[in-house]
Amino acid sequence: MSPVKRITCKECGKRRVKATIVNPETGKERKTPAKICQECHSKVIDYRFFSSSFGQWLRRAFHRQCTESIPKDTDELGGLIMLWLEFRVASGLCCDGESFSKKYDYQLCHIDPVKGAGGSVGALKPSNLIIAPAELNRRLSNLPYPATSGLSVQRGDPIDDNNFKEVCRQRYDLRRLQRDFDLDVRDKKKDLPVFENNGVYPSLVLLKELNRHGFRTDRLIDEDENPELVDSVYETFLKVGGALAKAELEGYQESTRKAMEWEYIYETLTPYKKKQPKDKRKNSAELDEF
């Protein structure tokens, strides 16, 4: 007689019994043995959020933060997801079927650094983040922003793997975020898809970020004429603020040109459209065919 195989819950590690589980959202039963126990199932129904690319990025980002410096509610985290999606589009993520690559090396950079003076922590919020070249972020990583910025908080309780999921579940409606932003898990059994994105060149990203932070301008740097100006304006922004960065940009009239309408630029950088209900999507598809 073969020994009985011990079956444990992949979430809590406790022994579980083979059984079908009812999904608390849909009421459907799973006919195959679940990998988690009934007690944990209601907690990990949001596994798609945590296992998505954004969920994994958020876990790493939260490890450097504290409970006081992360988004306070679902809407604030939604704003962070929007910025993260724009960052991905700007980077020009590509895949050849075997590996991923990027056209541009950008990072989501903290304006007020994560490790601030006097134990302060730079907030993980869109108002304290800017899409910028990675090399510049590494060079100016802990440079203190002007003290009046108000973008840092005093350090609170740390966040690690032990409390990351619980903190997220308490603050955010993860199921809503997963559905609204279509955050999903790639099936590792399937081959990688082949796709290519052009990305967004640095001077256009700089223009978009200046406007997003409230420093309105329509001057677009001609990178063929003055390629160093993009890094210089970014560095001015991170060292002394957006007002002087805007002034520096607009002072080089010979190296810039008037950009397209801002609304059109914003559309080219916005990768997300809220999902419609199925009936509306069906009607829309029928109209497209017509």
C-alpha atoms as a PDB file:
ATOM      1  CA  MET A   1       0.000   0.000   0.000  1.00  0.00           C
ATOM      2  CA  SER A   2       1.487   3.336  -1.059  1.00  0.00           C
ATOM      3  CA  PRO A   3       1.892   5.978   1.654  1.00  0.00           C
ATOM      4  CA  VAL A   4      -0.643   8.782   1.790  1.00  0.00           C
ATOM      5  CA  LYS A   5       0.824  11.973   0.317  1.00  0.00           C
ATOM      6  CA  ARG A   6       0.710  14.914   2.682  1.00  0.00           C
ATOM      7  CA  ILE A   7      -1.144  17.818   1.059  1.00  0.00           C
ATOM      8  CA  THR A   8      -0.463  21.319   2.366  1.00  0.00           C
ATOM      9  CA  CYS A   9      -1.998  24.698   1.614  1.00  0.00           C
ATOM     10  CA  LYS A  10       0.393  26.769  -0.484  1.00  0.00           C
ATOM     11  CA  GLU A  11      -0.706  29.932   1.349  1.00  0.00           C
ATOM     12  CA  CYS A  12      -0.589  29.022   5.051  1.00  0.00           C
ATOM     13  CA  GLY A  13       1.381  25.761   4.860  1.00  0.00           C
ATOM     14  CA  LYS A  14      -1.100  23.831   7.006  1.00  0.00           C
ATOM     15  CA  ARG A  15      -2.349  20.396   6.105  1.00  0.00           C
ATOM     16  CA  ARG A  16      -5.497  20.417   3.983  1.00  0.00           C
ATOM     17  CA  VAL A  17      -8.015  17.896   2.731  1.00  0.00           C
ATOM     18  CA  LYS A  18      -8.631  17.308  -0.966  1.00  0.00           C
ATOM     19  CA  ALA A  19     -11.973  18.895  -1.741  1.00  0.00           C
ATOM     20  CA  THR A  20     -13.664  21.162  -4.239  1.00  0.00           C
ATOM     21  CA  ILE A  21     -13.994  24.787  -3.160  1.00  0.00           C
ATOM     22  CA  VAL A  22     -16.769  27.261  -3.858  1.00  0.00           C
ATOM     23  CA  ASN A  23     -15.613  30.604  -5.229  1.00  0.00           C
ATOM     24  CA  PRO A  24     -17.114  33.264  -2.896  1.00  0.00           C
ATOM     25  CA  GLU A  25     -17.354  35.738  -5.804  1.00  0.00           C
ATOM     26  CA  THR A  26     -19.053  33.627  -8.463  1.00  0.00           C
ATOM     27  CA  GLY A  27     -20.527  30.754  -6.447  1.00  0.00           C
ATOM     28  CA  LYS A  28     -18.925  28.255  -8.842  1.00  0.00           C
ATOM     29  CA  GLU A  29     -17.323  25.037  -7.603  1.00  0.00           C
ATOM     30  CA  ARG A  30     -13.902  23.899  -8.613  1.00  0.00           C
ATOM     31  CA  LYS A  31     -13.948  20.255  -9.671  1.00  0.00           C
ATOM     32  CA  THR A  32     -10.213  19.780  -9.257  1.00  0.00           C
ATOM     33  CA  PRO A  33      -8.567  19.818  -5.827  1.00  0.00           C
ATOM     34  CA  ALA A  34      -7.673  23.383  -4.869  1.00  0.00           C
ATOM     35  CA  LYS A  35      -4.119  24.254  -3.908  1.00  0.00           C
ATOM     36  CA  ILE A  36      -5.260  26.285  -0.933  1.00  0.00           C
ATOM     37  CA  CYS A  37      -7.562  25.587   2.001  1.00  0.00           C
ATOM     38  CA  GLN A  38     -11.050  27.045   2.338  1.00  0.00           C
ATOM     39  CA  GLU A  39      -9.911  29.369   5.125  1.00  0.00           C
ATOM     40  CA  CYS A  40      -7.266  30.967   2.927  1.00  0.00           C
ATOM     41  CA  HIS A  41      -9.294  30.911  -0.273  1.00  0.00           C
ATOM     42  CA  SER A  42     -11.313  34.027   0.490  1.00  0.00           C
ATOM     43  CA  LYS A  43      -8.079  35.889   1.209  1.00  0.00           C
ATOM     44  CA  VAL A  44      -6.181  34.858  -1.922  1.00  0.00           C
ATOM     45  CA  ILE A  45      -9.022  35.254  -4.407  1.00  0.00           C
ATOM     46  CA  ASP A  46      -7.074  38.405  -5.346  1.00  0.00           C
ATOM     47  CA  TYR A  47      -4.036  36.306  -6.359  1.00  0.00           C
ATOM     48  CA  ARG A  48      -4.191  37.794  -9.867  1.00  0.00           C
ATOM     49  CA  PHE A  49      -3.375  41.221  -8.463  1.00  0.00           C
ATOM     50  CA  PHE A  50      -0.409  40.006  -6.406  1.00  0.00           C
ATOM     51  CA  SER A  51       0.932  37.779  -9.202  1.00  0.00           C
ATOM     52  CA  SER A  52       0.604  40.400 -11.945  1.00  0.00           C
ATOM     53  CA  SER A  53       3.606  42.400 -13.156  1.00  0.00           C
ATOM     54  CA  PHE A  54       2.381  45.446 -11.247  1.00  0.00           C
ATOM     55  CA  GLY A  55       1.723  43.416  -8.085  1.00  0.00           C
ATOM     56  CA  GLN A  56       5.290  42.103  -8.117  1.00  0.00           C
ATOM     57  CA  TRP A  57       6.686  45.592  -8.763  1.00  0.00           C
ATOM     58  CA  LEU A  58       4.535  46.969  -5.921  1.00  0.00           C
ATOM     59  CA  ARG A  59       5.830  44.334  -3.482  1.00  0.00           C
ATOM     60  CA  ARG A  60       9.438  45.330  -4.210  1.00  0.00           C
ATOM     61  CA  ALA A  61       8.573  49.035  -3.974  1.00  0.00           C
ATOM     62  CA  PHE A  62       6.731  48.600  -0.645  1.00  0.00           C
ATOM     63  CA  HIS A  63       9.796  46.927   0.894  1.00  0.00           C
ATOM     64  CA  ARG A  64      11.559  50.302   0.691  1.00  0.00           C
ATOM     65  CA  GLN A  65       8.579  52.205   2.065  1.00  0.00           C
ATOM     66  CA  CYS A  66       6.617  52.245   5.328  1.00  0.00           C
ATOM     67  CA  THR A  67       2.943  52.249   6.286  1.00  0.00           C
ATOM     68  CA  GLU A  68       2.849  56.077   6.269  1.00  0.00           C
ATOM     69  CA  SER A  69       4.421  56.619   2.833  1.00  0.00           C
ATOM     70  CA  ILE A  70       2.300  54.318   0.647  1.00  0.00           C
ATOM     71  CA  PRO A  71      -1.018  55.217  -1.068  1.00  0.00           C
ATOM     72  CA  LYS A  72      -3.774  55.712   1.509  1.00  0.00           C
ATOM     73  CA  ASP A  73      -6.711  54.212  -0.401  1.00  0.00           C
ATOM     74  CA  THR A  74      -7.849  52.494  -3.591  1.00  0.00           C
ATOM     75  CA  ASP A  75      -8.081  55.706  -5.629  1.00  0.00           C
ATOM     76  CA  GLU A  76      -4.515  56.737  -4.757  1.00  0.00           C
ATOM     77  CA  LEU A  77      -3.210  53.295  -5.694  1.00  0.00           C
ATOM     78  CA  GLY A  78      -5.187  53.527  -8.945  1.00  0.00           C
ATOM     79  CA  GLY A  79      -3.322  56.747  -9.750  1.00  0.00           C
ATOM     80  CA  LEU A  80      -0.037  54.946  -9.118  1.00  0.00           C
ATOM     81  CA  ILE A  81      -1.072  52.128 -11.479  1.00  0.00           C
ATOM     82  CA  MET A  82      -1.862  54.693 -14.197  1.00  0.00           C
ATOM     83  CA  LEU A  83       1.610  56.211 -13.849  1.00  0.00           C
ATOM     84  CA  TRP A  84       3.230  52.745 -13.830  1.00  0.00           C
ATOM     85  CA  LEU A  85       1.413  51.856 -17.071  1.00  0.00           C
ATOM     86  CA  GLU A  86       2.593  55.101 -18.690  1.00  0.00           C
ATOM     87  CA  PHE A  87       6.139  54.274 -17.566  1.00  0.00           C
ATOM     88  CA  ARG A  88       5.873  50.856 -19.255  1.00  0.00           C
ATOM     89  CA  VAL A  89       4.614  52.374 -22.500  1.00  0.00           C
ATOM     90  CA  ALA A  90       7.353  55.031 -22.469  1.00  0.00           C
ATOM     91  CA  SER A  91      10.019  52.332 -21.946  1.00  0.00           C
ATOM     92  CA  GLY A  92       8.963  50.549 -25.152  1.00  0.00           C
ATOM     93  CA  LEU A  93       8.669  47.029 -23.767  1.00  0.00           C
ATOM     94  CA  CYS A  94       9.309  44.405 -26.470  1.00  0.00           C
ATOM     95  CA  CYS A  95       9.433  40.617 -26.666  1.00  0.00           C
ATOM     96  CA  ASP A  96      10.970  38.393 -29.355  1.00  0.00           C
ATOM     97  CA  GLY A  97       9.312  35.223 -28.059  1.00  0.00           C
ATOM     98  CA  GLU A  98      12.289  34.309 -25.864  1.00  0.00           C
ATOM     99  CA  SER A  99      13.060  37.333 -23.701  1.00  0.00           C
ATOM    100  CA  PHE A 100      11.877  40.858 -22.905  1.00  0.00           C
ATOM    101  CA  SER A 101      13.750  44.056 -23.713  1.00  0.00           C
ATOM    102  CA  LYS A 102      13.185  47.837 -23.554  1.00  0.00           C
ATOM    103  CA  LYS A 103      13.796  50.561 -26.118  1.00  0.00           C
ATOM    104  CA  TYR A 104      14.472  53.198 -23.438  1.00  0.00           C
ATOM    105  CA  ASP A 105      15.918  52.730 -19.962  1.00  0.00           C
ATOM    106  CA  TYR A 106      13.540  54.711 -17.742  1.00  0.00           C
ATOM    107  CA  GLN A 107      12.711  54.373 -14.063  1.00  0.00           C
ATOM    108  CA  LEU A 108       9.999  55.706 -11.787  1.00  0.00           C
ATOM    109  CA  CYS A 109      12.194  58.052  -9.765  1.00  0.00           C
ATOM    110  CA  HIS A 110      11.394  59.515  -6.356  1.00  0.00           C
ATOM    111  CA  ILE A 111      11.577  63.311  -6.305  1.00  0.00           C
ATOM    112  CA  ASP A 112      12.019  63.348  -2.532  1.00  0.00           C
ATOM    113  CA  PRO A 113      14.340  60.351  -1.954  1.00  0.00           C
ATOM    114  CA  VAL A 114      13.171  57.201  -0.197  1.00  0.00           C
ATOM    115  CA  LYS A 115      15.975  57.552   2.356  1.00  0.00           C
ATOM    116  CA  GLY A 116      15.530  61.146   3.446  1.00  0.00           C
ATOM    117  CA  ALA A 117      17.224  63.163   6.177  1.00  0.00           C
ATOM    118  CA  GLY A 118      16.168  62.643   9.794  1.00  0.00           C
ATOM    119  CA  GLY A 119      14.519  59.301   9.140  1.00  0.00           C
ATOM    120  CA  SER A 120      12.024  60.698   6.610  1.00  0.00           C
ATOM    121  CA  VAL A 121      10.720  58.590   3.728  1.00  0.00           C
ATOM    122  CA  GLY A 122       9.807  59.834   0.238  1.00  0.00           C
ATOM    123  CA  ALA A 123       6.172  58.968  -0.486  1.00  0.00           C
ATOM    124  CA  LEU A 124       5.297  56.357  -3.107  1.00  0.00           C
ATOM    125  CA  LYS A 125       2.703  58.534  -4.840  1.00  0.00           C
ATOM    126  CA  PRO A 126       2.440  60.059  -8.335  1.00  0.00           C
ATOM    127  CA  SER A 127       3.091  63.538  -6.906  1.00  0.00           C
ATOM    128  CA  ASN A 128       6.499  62.320  -5.682  1.00  0.00           C
ATOM    129  CA  LEU A 129       7.425  60.250  -8.739  1.00  0.00           C
ATOM    130  CA  ILE A 130       8.734  61.192 -12.163  1.00  0.00           C
ATOM    131  CA  ILE A 131       9.526  59.063 -15.212  1.00  0.00           C
ATOM    132  CA  ALA A 132      13.191  59.776 -15.910  1.00  0.00           C
ATOM    133  CA  PRO A 133      16.302  58.114 -17.391  1.00  0.00           C
ATOM    134  CA  ALA A 134      17.616  55.339 -15.131  1.00  0.00           C
ATOM    135  CA  GLU A 135      21.212  56.595 -15.246  1.00  0.00           C
ATOM    136  CA  LEU A 136      20.118  59.983 -13.905  1.00  0.00           C
ATOM    137  CA  ASN A 137      18.101  58.331 -11.142  1.00  0.00           C
ATOM    138  CA  ARG A 138      21.095  56.259 -10.037  1.00  0.00           C
ATOM    139  CA  ARG A 139      23.350  59.310 -10.028  1.00  0.00           C
ATOM    140  CA  LEU A 140      20.941  61.492  -8.001  1.00  0.00           C
ATOM    141  CA  SER A 141      19.269  58.722  -5.997  1.00  0.00           C
ATOM    142  CA  ASN A 142      19.569  60.236  -2.503  1.00  0.00           C
ATOM    143  CA  LEU A 143      19.769  63.907  -3.404  1.00  0.00           C
ATOM    144  CA  PRO A 144      17.513  65.839  -0.986  1.00  0.00           C
ATOM    145  CA  TYR A 145      14.725  67.842  -2.626  1.00  0.00           C
ATOM    146  CA  PRO A 146      13.941  71.352  -1.275  1.00  0.00           C
ATOM    147  CA  ALA A 147      12.684  71.036   2.325  1.00  0.00           C
ATOM    148  CA  THR A 148       9.416  72.807   1.557  1.00  0.00           C
ATOM    149  CA  SER A 149       8.305  70.155  -0.937  1.00  0.00           C
ATOM    150  CA  GLY A 150       6.136  68.264   1.559  1.00  0.00           C
ATOM    151  CA  LEU A 151       6.696  65.011  -0.331  1.00  0.00           C
ATOM    152  CA  SER A 152       8.212  63.071   2.589  1.00  0.00           C
ATOM    153  CA  VAL A 153       6.752  61.622   5.785  1.00  0.00           C
ATOM    154  CA  GLN A 154       8.249  60.382   9.016  1.00  0.00           C
ATOM    155  CA  ARG A 155       9.039  56.685   8.963  1.00  0.00           C
ATOM    156  CA  GLY A 156       6.224  54.406  10.142  1.00  0.00           C
ATOM    157  CA  ASP A 157       5.995  50.635  10.470  1.00  0.00           C
ATOM    158  CA  PRO A 158       8.086  48.695   7.930  1.00  0.00           C
ATOM    159  CA  ILE A 159       6.527  46.562   5.185  1.00  0.00           C
ATOM    160  CA  ASP A 160       7.993  43.186   4.256  1.00  0.00           C
ATOM    161  CA  ASP A 161       6.863  39.857   2.809  1.00  0.00           C
ATOM    162  CA  ASN A 162       5.201  38.951   6.115  1.00  0.00           C
ATOM    163  CA  ASN A 163       2.706  41.844   6.119  1.00  0.00           C
ATOM    164  CA  PHE A 164       2.665  43.077   2.492  1.00  0.00           C
ATOM    165  CA  LYS A 165      -0.498  41.237   1.457  1.00  0.00           C
ATOM    166  CA  GLU A 166      -2.341  42.062   4.665  1.00  0.00           C
ATOM    167  CA  VAL A 167      -1.548  45.786   4.364  1.00  0.00           C
ATOM    168  CA  CYS A 168      -2.831  45.784   0.774  1.00  0.00           C
ATOM    169  CA  ARG A 169      -6.032  43.911   1.661  1.00  0.00           C
ATOM    170  CA  GLN A 170      -6.820  46.281   4.500  1.00  0.00           C
ATOM    171  CA  ARG A 171      -6.347  49.479   2.451  1.00  0.00           C
ATOM    172  CA  TYR A 172      -7.318  48.666  -1.131  1.00  0.00           C
ATOM    173  CA  ASP A 173     -10.114  47.060  -3.111  1.00  0.00           C
ATOM    174  CA  LEU A 174      -7.777  44.724  -4.973  1.00  0.00           C
ATOM    175  CA  ARG A 175     -10.478  42.959  -6.969  1.00  0.00           C
ATOM    176  CA  ARG A 176     -11.709  46.283  -8.349  1.00  0.00           C
ATOM    177  CA  LEU A 177      -8.193  47.358  -9.305  1.00  0.00           C
ATOM    178  CA  GLN A 178      -7.487  44.008 -10.956  1.00  0.00           C
ATOM    179  CA  ARG A 179     -10.670  44.214 -13.009  1.00  0.00           C
ATOM    180  CA  ASP A 180     -10.445  47.926 -13.907  1.00  0.00           C
ATOM    181  CA  PHE A 181      -6.812  47.811 -15.022  1.00  0.00           C
ATOM    182  CA  ASP A 182      -6.898  44.254 -16.378  1.00  0.00           C
ATOM    183  CA  LEU A 183      -3.985  43.159 -14.198  1.00  0.00           C
ATOM    184  CA  ASP A 184      -3.495  39.496 -14.961  1.00  0.00           C
ATOM    185  CA  VAL A 185      -0.997  36.685 -14.619  1.00  0.00           C
ATOM    186  CA  ARG A 186       0.970  35.375 -17.573  1.00  0.00           C
ATOM    187  CA  ASP A 187       0.513  31.644 -18.105  1.00  0.00           C
ATOM    188  CA  LYS A 188       4.048  30.289 -17.743  1.00  0.00           C
ATOM    189  CA  LYS A 189       3.113  27.131 -19.644  1.00  0.00           C
ATOM    190  CA  LYS A 190       2.489  29.156 -22.807  1.00  0.00           C
ATOM    191  CA  ASP A 191       5.178  30.583 -25.060  1.00  0.00           C
ATOM    192  CA  LEU A 192       6.069  34.228 -24.685  1.00  0.00           C
ATOM    193  CA  PRO A 193       4.144  36.474 -27.084  1.00  0.00           C
ATOM    194  CA  VAL A 194       5.987  38.367 -29.817  1.00  0.00           C
ATOM    195  CA  PHE A 195       5.353  42.108 -29.795  1.00  0.00           C
ATOM    196  CA  GLU A 196       7.160  45.404 -30.257  1.00  0.00           C
ATOM    197  CA  ASN A 197       6.537  48.917 -28.914  1.00  0.00           C
ATOM    198  CA  ASN A 198       8.327  52.019 -30.102  1.00  0.00           C
ATOM    199  CA  GLY A 199       8.398  53.655 -26.683  1.00  0.00           C
ATOM    200  CA  VAL A 200       8.508  57.416 -26.143  1.00  0.00           C
ATOM    201  CA  TYR A 201      11.676  59.439 -26.686  1.00  0.00           C
ATOM    202  CA  PRO A 202      13.124  61.292 -23.633  1.00  0.00           C
ATOM    203  CA  SER A 203      12.281  64.890 -24.608  1.00  0.00           C
ATOM    204  CA  LEU A 204       8.583  64.012 -25.000  1.00  0.00           C
ATOM    205  CA  VAL A 205       8.532  62.141 -21.671  1.00  0.00           C
ATOM    206  CA  LEU A 206      10.154  65.189 -20.026  1.00  0.00           C
ATOM    207  CA  LEU A 207       7.506  67.490 -21.499  1.00  0.00           C
ATOM    208  CA  LYS A 208       4.701  65.230 -20.320  1.00  0.00           C
ATOM    209  CA  GLU A 209       6.134  64.939 -16.798  1.00  0.00           C
ATOM    210  CA  LEU A 210       6.650  68.694 -16.410  1.00  0.00           C
ATOM    211  CA  ASN A 211       3.024  69.281 -17.360  1.00  0.00           C
ATOM    212  CA  ARG A 212       1.797  66.475 -15.095  1.00  0.00           C
ATOM    213  CA  HIS A 213       3.518  68.141 -12.144  1.00  0.00           C
ATOM    214  CA  GLY A 214       1.854  71.469 -12.933  1.00  0.00           C
ATOM    215  CA  PHE A 215       4.685  73.246 -14.782  1.00  0.00           C
ATOM    216  CA  ARG A 216       2.821  73.930 -18.014  1.00  0.00           C
ATOM    217  CA  THR A 217       4.907  74.321 -21.140  1.00  0.00           C
ATOM    218  CA  ASP A 218       4.689  73.400 -24.813  1.00  0.00           C
ATOM    219  CA  ARG A 219       8.422  73.512 -25.594  1.00  0.00           C
ATOM    220  CA  LEU A 220       9.791  70.240 -26.966  1.00  0.00           C
ATOM    221  CA  ILE A 221      13.568  69.793 -27.088  1.00  0.00           C
ATOM    222  CA  ASP A 222      15.122  68.961 -30.438  1.00  0.00           C
ATOM    223  CA  GLU A 223      17.384  66.095 -29.354  1.00  0.00           C
ATOM    224  CA  ASP A 224      19.388  66.231 -32.592  1.00  0.00           C
ATOM    225  CA  GLU A 225      20.324  69.857 -31.913  1.00  0.00           C
ATOM    226  CA  ASN A 226      20.938  69.655 -28.143  1.00  0.00           C
ATOM    227  CA  PRO A 227      20.845  66.085 -26.747  1.00  0.00           C
ATOM    228  CA  GLU A 228      22.400  67.112 -23.409  1.00  0.00           C
ATOM    229  CA  LEU A 229      19.583  69.546 -22.633  1.00  0.00           C
ATOM    230  CA  VAL A 230      17.122  66.779 -21.695  1.00  0.00           C
ATOM    231  CA  ASP A 231      19.371  65.468 -18.898  1.00  0.00           C
ATOM    232  CA  SER A 232      20.183  69.009 -17.796  1.00  0.00           C
ATOM    233  CA  VAL A 233      16.491  69.953 -17.390  1.00  0.00           C
ATOM    234  CA  TYR A 234      15.755  66.681 -15.576  1.00  0.00           C
ATOM    235  CA  GLU A 235      18.688  67.315 -13.227  1.00  0.00           C
ATOM    236  CA  THR A 236      17.489  70.864 -12.516  1.00  0.00           C
ATOM    237  CA  PHE A 237      14.033  69.524 -11.694  1.00  0.00           C
ATOM    238  CA  LEU A 238      15.391  66.950  -9.234  1.00  0.00           C
ATOM    239  CA  LYS A 239      17.872  69.362  -7.619  1.00  0.00           C
ATOM    240  CA  VAL A 240      15.943  72.614  -7.263  1.00  0.00           C
ATOM    241  CA  GLY A 241      12.414  72.087  -8.561  1.00  0.00           C
ATOM    242  CA  GLY A 242      10.141  72.237 -11.595  1.00  0.00           C
ATOM    243  CA  ALA A 243       9.853  76.025 -11.874  1.00  0.00           C
ATOM    244  CA  LEU A 244      13.551  76.463 -12.650  1.00  0.00           C
ATOM    245  CA  ALA A 245      13.518  73.365 -14.865  1.00  0.00           C
ATOM    246  CA  LYS A 246      10.710  74.922 -16.924  1.00  0.00           C
ATOM    247  CA  ALA A 247      12.616  78.218 -17.113  1.00  0.00           C
ATOM    248  CA  GLU A 248      15.754  76.423 -18.311  1.00  0.00           C
ATOM    249  CA  LEU A 249      13.769  74.552 -20.951  1.00  0.00           C
ATOM    250  CA  GLU A 250      12.070  77.675 -22.286  1.00  0.00           C
ATOM    251  CA  GLY A 251      15.343  79.625 -22.252  1.00  0.00           C
ATOM    252  CA  TYR A 252      16.760  77.487 -25.075  1.00  0.00           C
ATOM    253  CA  GLN A 253      14.445  78.610 -27.868  1.00  0.00           C
ATOM    254  CA  GLU A 254      16.957  77.628 -30.568  1.00  0.00           C
ATOM    255  CA  SER A 255      17.005  73.996 -29.329  1.00  0.00           C
ATOM    256  CA  THR A 256      13.257  73.580 -28.883  1.00  0.00           C
ATOM    257  CA  ARG A 257      10.111  73.759 -30.933  1.00  0.00           C
ATOM    258  CA  LYS A 258       6.441  74.156 -30.100  1.00  0.00           C
ATOM    259  CA  ALA A 259       4.963  70.773 -29.336  1.00  0.00           C
ATOM    260  CA  MET A 260       1.697  69.307 -30.498  1.00  0.00           C
ATOM    261  CA  GLU A 261      -1.470  70.054 -28.569  1.00  0.00           C
ATOM    262  CA  TRP A 262      -1.026  68.757 -25.017  1.00  0.00           C
ATOM    263  CA  GLU A 263      -4.244  66.726 -25.114  1.00  0.00           C
ATOM    264  CA  TYR A 264      -2.948  64.754 -28.098  1.00  0.00           C
ATOM    265  CA  ILE A 265       0.425  64.177 -26.417  1.00  0.00           C
ATOM    266  CA  TYR A 266      -1.333  62.914 -23.309  1.00  0.00           C
ATOM    267  CA  GLU A 267      -3.372  60.445 -25.362  1.00  0.00           C
ATOM    268  CA  THR A 268      -0.234  59.055 -26.987  1.00  0.00           C
ATOM    269  CA  LEU A 269       1.209  58.322 -23.542  1.00  0.00           C
ATOM    270  CA  THR A 270      -1.910  56.888 -21.903  1.00  0.00           C
ATOM    271  CA  PRO A 271      -2.002  53.097 -22.301  1.00  0.00           C
ATOM    272  CA  TYR A 272      -5.139  52.437 -20.278  1.00  0.00           C
ATOM    273  CA  LYS A 273      -8.807  52.551 -21.132  1.00  0.00           C
ATOM    274  CA  LYS A 274     -11.313  51.413 -18.533  1.00  0.00           C
ATOM    275  CA  LYS A 275     -12.902  48.082 -19.384  1.00  0.00           C
ATOM    276  CA  GLN A 276     -16.492  48.230 -20.526  1.00  0.00           C
ATOM    277  CA  PRO A 277     -19.208  45.788 -19.474  1.00  0.00           C
ATOM    278  CA  LYS A 278     -19.559  42.783 -21.786  1.00  0.00           C
ATOM    279  CA  ASP A 279     -22.840  43.940 -23.328  1.00  0.00           C
ATOM    280  CA  LYS A 280     -21.347  47.340 -24.236  1.00  0.00           C
ATOM    281  CA  ARG A 281     -18.203  45.717 -25.662  1.00  0.00           C
ATOM    282  CA  LYS A 282     -20.388  43.473 -27.800  1.00  0.00           C
ATOM    283  CA  ASN A 283     -22.389  46.412 -29.151  1.00  0.00           C
ATOM    284  CA  SER A 284     -19.174  48.308 -29.835  1.00  0.00           C
ATOM    285  CA  ALA A 285     -17.734  45.340 -31.752  1.00  0.00           C
ATOM    286  CA  GLU A 286     -20.872  45.076 -33.843  1.00  0.00           C
ATOM    287  CA  LEU A 287     -20.633  48.763 -34.741  1.00  0.00           C
ATOM    288  CA  ASP A 288     -16.973  48.345 -35.689  1.00  0.00           C
ATOM    289  CA  GLU A 289     -17.867  45.454 -38.021  1.00  0.00           C
ATOM    290  CA  PHE A 290     -20.648  47.487 -39.565  1.00  0.00           C
END
